[in-house]
PDB file of N, CA and C in Angstrom:
ATOM      1  N   MET A   1     -15.099  14.667   3.205  1.00  0.00           N
ATOM      2  CA  MET A   1     -14.364  13.611   3.864  1.00  0.00           C
ATOM      3  C   MET A   1     -13.118  14.222   4.513  1.00  0.00           C
ATOM      4  N   THR A   2     -12.952  13.969   5.790  1.00  0.00           N
ATOM      5  CA  THR A   2     -11.794  14.518   6.490  1.00  0.00           C
ATOM      6  C   THR A   2     -10.604  13.591   6.342  1.00  0.00           C
ATOM      7  N   ILE A   3      -9.447  14.098   6.701  1.00  0.00           N
ATOM      8  CA  ILE A   3      -8.220  13.313   6.574  1.00  0.00           C
ATOM      9  C   ILE A   3      -8.234  12.096   7.496  1.00  0.00           C
ATOM     10  N   THR A   4      -8.984  12.171   8.598  1.00  0.00           N
ATOM     11  CA  THR A   4      -9.011  11.039   9.526  1.00  0.00           C
ATOM     12  C   THR A   4      -9.907   9.911   9.038  1.00  0.00           C
ATOM     13  N   THR A   5     -10.834  10.204   8.144  1.00  0.00           N
ATOM     14  CA  THR A   5     -11.708   9.142   7.646  1.00  0.00           C
ATOM     15  C   THR A   5     -11.111   8.409   6.452  1.00  0.00           C
ATOM     16  N   VAL A   6     -10.075   8.973   5.852  1.00  0.00           N
ATOM     17  CA  VAL A   6      -9.478   8.346   4.670  1.00  0.00           C
ATOM     18  C   VAL A   6      -8.953   6.945   4.968  1.00  0.00           C
ATOM     19  N   PRO A   7      -8.159   6.731   6.057  1.00  0.00           N
ATOM     20  CA  PRO A   7      -7.681   5.367   6.311  1.00  0.00           C
ATOM     21  C   PRO A   7      -8.813   4.364   6.515  1.00  0.00           C
ATOM     22  N   THR A   8      -9.885   4.790   7.180  1.00  0.00           N
ATOM     23  CA  THR A   8     -11.021   3.894   7.404  1.00  0.00           C
ATOM     24  C   THR A   8     -11.676   3.506   6.088  1.00  0.00           C
ATOM     25  N   VAL A   9     -11.851   4.476   5.219  1.00  0.00           N
ATOM     26  CA  VAL A   9     -12.447   4.199   3.909  1.00  0.00           C
ATOM     27  C   VAL A   9     -11.537   3.290   3.096  1.00  0.00           C
ATOM     28  N   LEU A  10     -10.232   3.545   3.141  1.00  0.00           N
ATOM     29  CA  LEU A  10      -9.295   2.695   2.407  1.00  0.00           C
ATOM     30  C   LEU A  10      -9.313   1.267   2.932  1.00  0.00           C
ATOM     31  N   LEU A  11      -9.395   1.109   4.249  1.00  0.00           N
ATOM     32  CA  LEU A  11      -9.472  -0.238   4.816  1.00  0.00           C
ATOM     33  C   LEU A  11     -10.749  -0.944   4.383  1.00  0.00           C
ATOM     34  N   LEU A  12     -11.855  -0.211   4.339  1.00  0.00           N
ATOM     35  CA  LEU A  12     -13.113  -0.798   3.887  1.00  0.00           C
ATOM     36  C   LEU A  12     -13.001  -1.242   2.438  1.00  0.00           C
ATOM     37  N   PHE A  13     -12.447  -0.363   1.588  1.00  0.00           N
ATOM     38  CA  PHE A  13     -12.267  -0.734   0.188  1.00  0.00           C
ATOM     39  C   PHE A  13     -11.323  -1.922   0.058  1.00  0.00           C
ATOM     40  N   GLY A  14     -10.290  -1.962   0.891  1.00  0.00           N
ATOM     41  CA  GLY A  14      -9.366  -3.094   0.871  1.00  0.00           C
ATOM     42  C   GLY A  14     -10.074  -4.381   1.254  1.00  0.00           C
ATOM     43  N   TRP A  15     -10.922  -4.315   2.292  1.00  0.00           N
ATOM     44  CA  TRP A  15     -11.664  -5.492   2.726  1.00  0.00           C
ATOM     45  C   TRP A  15     -12.578  -5.991   1.610  1.00  0.00           C
ATOM     46  N   LEU A  16     -13.279  -5.064   0.979  1.00  0.00           N
ATOM     47  CA  LEU A  16     -14.161  -5.449  -0.123  1.00  0.00           C
ATOM     48  C   LEU A  16     -13.355  -5.997  -1.297  1.00  0.00           C
ATOM     49  N   GLY A  17     -12.229  -5.343  -1.561  1.00  0.00           N
ATOM     50  CA  GLY A  17     -11.412  -5.750  -2.700  1.00  0.00           C
ATOM     51  C   GLY A  17     -10.882  -7.157  -2.567  1.00  0.00           C
ATOM     52  N   TRP A  18     -10.380  -7.505  -1.393  1.00  0.00           N
ATOM     53  CA  TRP A  18      -9.801  -8.842  -1.231  1.00  0.00           C
ATOM     54  C   TRP A  18     -10.873  -9.919  -1.338  1.00  0.00           C
ATOM     55  N   ARG A  19     -12.100  -9.581  -1.048  1.00  0.00           N
ATOM     56  CA  ARG A  19     -13.144 -10.593  -1.107  1.00  0.00           C
ATOM     57  C   ARG A  19     -13.810 -10.686  -2.471  1.00  0.00           C
ATOM     58  N   PHE A  20     -13.806  -9.614  -3.231  1.00  0.00           N
ATOM     59  CA  PHE A  20     -14.540  -9.627  -4.494  1.00  0.00           C
ATOM     60  C   PHE A  20     -13.678  -9.421  -5.730  1.00  0.00           C
ATOM     61  N   SER A  21     -12.498  -8.874  -5.568  1.00  0.00           N
ATOM     62  CA  SER A  21     -11.672  -8.642  -6.748  1.00  0.00           C
ATOM     63  C   SER A  21     -10.214  -8.511  -6.348  1.00  0.00           C
ATOM     64  N   LEU A  22      -9.408  -9.452  -6.778  1.00  0.00           N
ATOM     65  CA  LEU A  22      -7.987  -9.410  -6.449  1.00  0.00           C
ATOM     66  C   LEU A  22      -7.329  -8.175  -7.047  1.00  0.00           C
ATOM     67  N   LEU A  23      -7.760  -7.775  -8.223  1.00  0.00           N
ATOM     68  CA  LEU A  23      -7.182  -6.602  -8.878  1.00  0.00           C
ATOM     69  C   LEU A  23      -7.461  -5.328  -8.081  1.00  0.00           C
ATOM     70  N   VAL A  24      -8.704  -5.155  -7.636  1.00  0.00           N
ATOM     71  CA  VAL A  24      -9.060  -3.975  -6.840  1.00  0.00           C
ATOM     72  C   VAL A  24      -8.318  -4.004  -5.512  1.00  0.00           C
ATOM     73  N   GLY A  25      -8.263  -5.161  -4.895  1.00  0.00           N
ATOM     74  CA  GLY A  25      -7.551  -5.287  -3.618  1.00  0.00           C
ATOM     75  C   GLY A  25      -6.078  -4.955  -3.750  1.00  0.00           C
ATOM     76  N   THR A  26      -5.465  -5.422  -4.832  1.00  0.00           N
ATOM     77  CA  THR A  26      -4.053  -5.132  -5.068  1.00  0.00           C
ATOM     78  C   THR A  26      -3.838  -3.635  -5.271  1.00  0.00           C
ATOM     79  N   ALA A  27      -4.721  -3.001  -6.023  1.00  0.00           N
ATOM     80  CA  ALA A  27      -4.609  -1.560  -6.255  1.00  0.00           C
ATOM     81  C   ALA A  27      -4.768  -0.788  -4.948  1.00  0.00           C
ATOM     82  N   VAL A  28      -5.693  -1.211  -4.105  1.00  0.00           N
ATOM     83  CA  VAL A  28      -5.900  -0.541  -2.822  1.00  0.00           C
ATOM     84  C   VAL A  28      -4.673  -0.716  -1.932  1.00  0.00           C
ATOM     85  N   ALA A  29      -4.140  -1.939  -1.880  1.00  0.00           N
ATOM     86  CA  ALA A  29      -2.949  -2.181  -1.064  1.00  0.00           C
ATOM     87  C   ALA A  29      -1.777  -1.336  -1.550  1.00  0.00           C
ATOM     88  N   ALA A  30      -1.618  -1.238  -2.858  1.00  0.00           N
ATOM     89  CA  ALA A  30      -0.536  -0.417  -3.417  1.00  0.00           C
ATOM     90  C   ALA A  30      -0.753   1.056  -3.069  1.00  0.00           C
ATOM     91  N   GLY A  31      -1.988   1.518  -3.131  1.00  0.00           N
ATOM     92  CA  GLY A  31      -2.286   2.904  -2.775  1.00  0.00           C
ATOM     93  C   GLY A  31      -2.013   3.195  -1.317  1.00  0.00           C
ATOM     94  N   ILE A  32      -2.381   2.266  -0.443  1.00  0.00           N
ATOM     95  CA  ILE A  32      -2.120   2.441   0.986  1.00  0.00           C
ATOM     96  C   ILE A  32      -0.621   2.484   1.241  1.00  0.00           C
ATOM     97  N   LEU A  33       0.114   1.558   0.622  1.00  0.00           N
ATOM     98  CA  LEU A  33       1.563   1.529   0.796  1.00  0.00           C
ATOM     99  C   LEU A  33       2.198   2.816   0.282  1.00  0.00           C
ATOM    100  N   LEU A  34       1.753   3.282  -0.864  1.00  0.00           N
ATOM    101  CA  LEU A  34       2.289   4.515  -1.437  1.00  0.00           C
ATOM    102  C   LEU A  34       1.989   5.713  -0.536  1.00  0.00           C
ATOM    103  N   ALA A  35       0.773   5.772   0.000  1.00  0.00           N
ATOM    104  CA  ALA A  35       0.411   6.874   0.894  1.00  0.00           C
ATOM    105  C   ALA A  35       1.261   6.855   2.159  1.00  0.00           C
ATOM    106  N   LYS A  36       1.512   5.664   2.694  1.00  0.00           N
ATOM    107  CA  LYS A  36       2.347   5.561   3.892  1.00  0.00           C
ATOM    108  C   LYS A  36       3.775   5.988   3.586  1.00  0.00           C
ATOM    109  N   LEU A  37       4.270   5.587   2.432  1.00  0.00           N
ATOM    110  CA  LEU A  37       5.623   5.988   2.049  1.00  0.00           C
ATOM    111  C   LEU A  37       5.730   7.503   1.953  1.00  0.00           C
ATOM    112  N   MET A  38       4.759   8.118   1.329  1.00  0.00           N
ATOM    113  CA  MET A  38       4.794   9.567   1.142  1.00  0.00           C
ATOM    114  C   MET A  38       4.654  10.289   2.480  1.00  0.00           C
ATOM    115  N   ALA A  39       3.897   9.712   3.395  1.00  0.00           N
ATOM    116  CA  ALA A  39       3.687  10.354   4.690  1.00  0.00           C
ATOM    117  C   ALA A  39       4.881  10.165   5.618  1.00  0.00           C
ATOM    118  N   LEU A  40       5.525   9.005   5.550  1.00  0.00           N
ATOM    119  CA  LEU A  40       6.567   8.677   6.520  1.00  0.00           C
ATOM    120  C   LEU A  40       7.979   8.976   6.039  1.00  0.00           C
ATOM    121  N   ASP A  41       8.190   9.028   4.753  1.00  0.00           N
ATOM    122  CA  ASP A  41       9.541   9.189   4.233  1.00  0.00           C
ATOM    123  C   ASP A  41       9.643  10.491   3.450  1.00  0.00           C
ATOM    124  N   ARG A  42      10.267  11.490   4.032  1.00  0.00           N
ATOM    125  CA  ARG A  42      10.373  12.790   3.372  1.00  0.00           C
ATOM    126  C   ARG A  42      11.254  12.728   2.139  1.00  0.00           C
ATOM    127  N   ARG A  43      12.062  11.690   2.065  1.00  0.00           N
ATOM    128  CA  ARG A  43      12.938  11.546   0.906  1.00  0.00           C
ATOM    129  C   ARG A  43      12.216  10.921  -0.278  1.00  0.00           C
ATOM    130  N   PHE A  44      10.924  10.680  -0.139  1.00  0.00           N
ATOM    131  CA  PHE A  44      10.174   9.955  -1.166  1.00  0.00           C
ATOM    132  C   PHE A  44      10.321  10.588  -2.543  1.00  0.00           C
ATOM    133  N   ARG A  45      10.301  11.913  -2.589  1.00  0.00           N
ATOM    134  CA  ARG A  45      10.369  12.596  -3.883  1.00  0.00           C
ATOM    135  C   ARG A  45      11.801  12.831  -4.353  1.00  0.00           C
ATOM    136  N   ASN A  46      12.744  12.482  -3.515  1.00  0.00           N
ATOM    137  CA  ASN A  46      14.151  12.636  -3.880  1.00  0.00           C
ATOM    138  C   ASN A  46      14.549  11.507  -4.832  1.00  0.00           C
ATOM    139  N   ARG A  47      15.229  11.831  -5.898  1.00  0.00           N
ATOM    140  CA  ARG A  47      15.586  10.818  -6.898  1.00  0.00           C
ATOM    141  C   ARG A  47      16.499   9.751  -6.316  1.00  0.00           C
ATOM    142  N   ARG A  48      17.348  10.131  -5.362  1.00  0.00           N
ATOM    143  CA  ARG A  48      18.250   9.147  -4.764  1.00  0.00           C
ATOM    144  C   ARG A  48      17.495   8.122  -3.924  1.00  0.00           C
ATOM    145  N   PHE A  49      16.275   8.455  -3.557  1.00  0.00           N
ATOM    146  CA  PHE A  49      15.450   7.510  -2.799  1.00  0.00           C
ATOM    147  C   PHE A  49      15.198   6.237  -3.600  1.00  0.00           C
ATOM    148  N   TRP A  50      15.091   6.386  -4.906  1.00  0.00           N
ATOM    149  CA  TRP A  50      14.693   5.264  -5.749  1.00  0.00           C
ATOM    150  C   TRP A  50      15.887   4.414  -6.167  1.00  0.00           C
ATOM    151  N   ASN A  51      16.567   3.821  -5.205  1.00  0.00           N
ATOM    152  CA  ASN A  51      17.611   2.875  -5.573  1.00  0.00           C
ATOM    153  C   ASN A  51      17.015   1.473  -5.628  1.00  0.00           C
ATOM    154  N   LEU A  52      17.703   0.587  -6.300  1.00  0.00           N
ATOM    155  CA  LEU A  52      17.156  -0.740  -6.585  1.00  0.00           C
ATOM    156  C   LEU A  52      16.849  -1.532  -5.319  1.00  0.00           C
ATOM    157  N   ARG A  53      17.735  -1.481  -4.344  1.00  0.00           N
ATOM    158  CA  ARG A  53      17.504  -2.252  -3.111  1.00  0.00           C
ATOM    159  C   ARG A  53      16.229  -1.814  -2.404  1.00  0.00           C
ATOM    160  N   ARG A  54      16.026  -0.513  -2.338  1.00  0.00           N
ATOM    161  CA  ARG A  54      14.840  -0.005  -1.647  1.00  0.00           C
ATOM    162  C   ARG A  54      13.573  -0.358  -2.413  1.00  0.00           C
ATOM    163  N   VAL A  55      13.607  -0.225  -3.729  1.00  0.00           N
ATOM    164  CA  VAL A  55      12.435  -0.574  -4.537  1.00  0.00           C
ATOM    165  C   VAL A  55      12.105  -2.049  -4.360  1.00  0.00           C
ATOM    166  N   ILE A  56      13.126  -2.907  -4.371  1.00  0.00           N
ATOM    167  CA  ILE A  56      12.900  -4.346  -4.181  1.00  0.00           C
ATOM    168  C   ILE A  56      12.336  -4.616  -2.791  1.00  0.00           C
ATOM    169  N   ALA A  57      12.849  -3.924  -1.778  1.00  0.00           N
ATOM    170  CA  ALA A  57      12.360  -4.130  -0.411  1.00  0.00           C
ATOM    171  C   ALA A  57      10.882  -3.763  -0.293  1.00  0.00           C
ATOM    172  N   TYR A  58      10.490  -2.628  -0.876  1.00  0.00           N
ATOM    173  CA  TYR A  58       9.081  -2.243  -0.822  1.00  0.00           C
ATOM    174  C   TYR A  58       8.219  -3.185  -1.661  1.00  0.00           C
ATOM    175  N   HIS A  59       8.768  -3.679  -2.756  1.00  0.00           N
ATOM    176  CA  HIS A  59       8.033  -4.638  -3.580  1.00  0.00           C
ATOM    177  C   HIS A  59       7.763  -5.915  -2.782  1.00  0.00           C
ATOM    178  N   GLU A  60       8.784  -6.408  -2.096  1.00  0.00           N
ATOM    179  CA  GLU A  60       8.617  -7.613  -1.286  1.00  0.00           C
ATOM    180  C   GLU A  60       7.667  -7.363  -0.118  1.00  0.00           C
ATOM    181  N   ALA A  61       7.702  -6.158   0.442  1.00  0.00           N
ATOM    182  CA  ALA A  61       6.753  -5.821   1.506  1.00  0.00           C
ATOM    183  C   ALA A  61       5.326  -5.876   0.969  1.00  0.00           C
ATOM    184  N   GLY A  62       5.152  -5.496  -0.285  1.00  0.00           N
ATOM    185  CA  GLY A  62       3.834  -5.596  -0.917  1.00  0.00           C
ATOM    186  C   GLY A  62       3.355  -7.029  -1.002  1.00  0.00           C
ATOM    187  N   HIS A  63       4.285  -7.945  -1.309  1.00  0.00           N
ATOM    188  CA  HIS A  63       3.916  -9.363  -1.329  1.00  0.00           C
ATOM    189  C   HIS A  63       3.474  -9.824   0.059  1.00  0.00           C
ATOM    190  N   ALA A  64       4.160  -9.336   1.088  1.00  0.00           N
ATOM    191  CA  ALA A  64       3.785  -9.704   2.453  1.00  0.00           C
ATOM    192  C   ALA A  64       2.390  -9.193   2.791  1.00  0.00           C
ATOM    193  N   VAL A  65       2.062  -7.989   2.339  1.00  0.00           N
ATOM    194  CA  VAL A  65       0.724  -7.432   2.576  1.00  0.00           C
ATOM    195  C   VAL A  65      -0.331  -8.295   1.893  1.00  0.00           C
ATOM    196  N   VAL A  66      -0.071  -8.680   0.656  1.00  0.00           N
ATOM    197  CA  VAL A  66      -1.018  -9.522  -0.081  1.00  0.00           C
ATOM    198  C   VAL A  66      -1.197 -10.854   0.630  1.00  0.00           C
ATOM    199  N   ALA A  67      -0.090 -11.483   1.028  1.00  0.00           N
ATOM    200  CA  ALA A  67      -0.170 -12.781   1.705  1.00  0.00           C
ATOM    201  C   ALA A  67      -0.945 -12.670   3.013  1.00  0.00           C
ATOM    202  N   ARG A  68      -0.697 -11.609   3.761  1.00  0.00           N
ATOM    203  CA  ARG A  68      -1.397 -11.443   5.037  1.00  0.00           C
ATOM    204  C   ARG A  68      -2.893 -11.244   4.826  1.00  0.00           C
ATOM    205  N   CYS A  69      -3.235 -10.436   3.830  1.00  0.00           N
ATOM    206  CA  CYS A  69      -4.651 -10.178   3.566  1.00  0.00           C
ATOM    207  C   CYS A  69      -5.372 -11.426   3.062  1.00  0.00           C
ATOM    208  N   LEU A  70      -4.647 -12.275   2.356  1.00  0.00           N
ATOM    209  CA  LEU A  70      -5.252 -13.509   1.853  1.00  0.00           C
ATOM    210  C   LEU A  70      -5.220 -14.624   2.890  1.00  0.00           C
ATOM    211  N   GLY A  71      -4.563 -14.380   4.020  1.00  0.00           N
ATOM    212  CA  GLY A  71      -4.499 -15.379   5.078  1.00  0.00           C
ATOM    213  C   GLY A  71      -3.509 -16.489   4.808  1.00  0.00           C
ATOM    214  N   ILE A  72      -2.505 -16.203   4.007  1.00  0.00           N
ATOM    215  CA  ILE A  72      -1.500 -17.231   3.681  1.00  0.00           C
ATOM    216  C   ILE A  72      -0.402 -17.195   4.725  1.00  0.00           C
TER     217      ILE A  72
END
């Protein structure tokens, strides 16, 4: 599996997850969000990155992803 096929596979798993298992869908969404964070934010591994405001912001963004996927 090449690096370019990973997002497609993750989207497929996300699509299946939201329709058949909320738990699997949530795990996939969290994995996608985590992968994007690691790819886009070089400070991800820096301890100062993990301040409360930022963690809360990403947590709330996760709720938005769930709501969008559920069509709410």
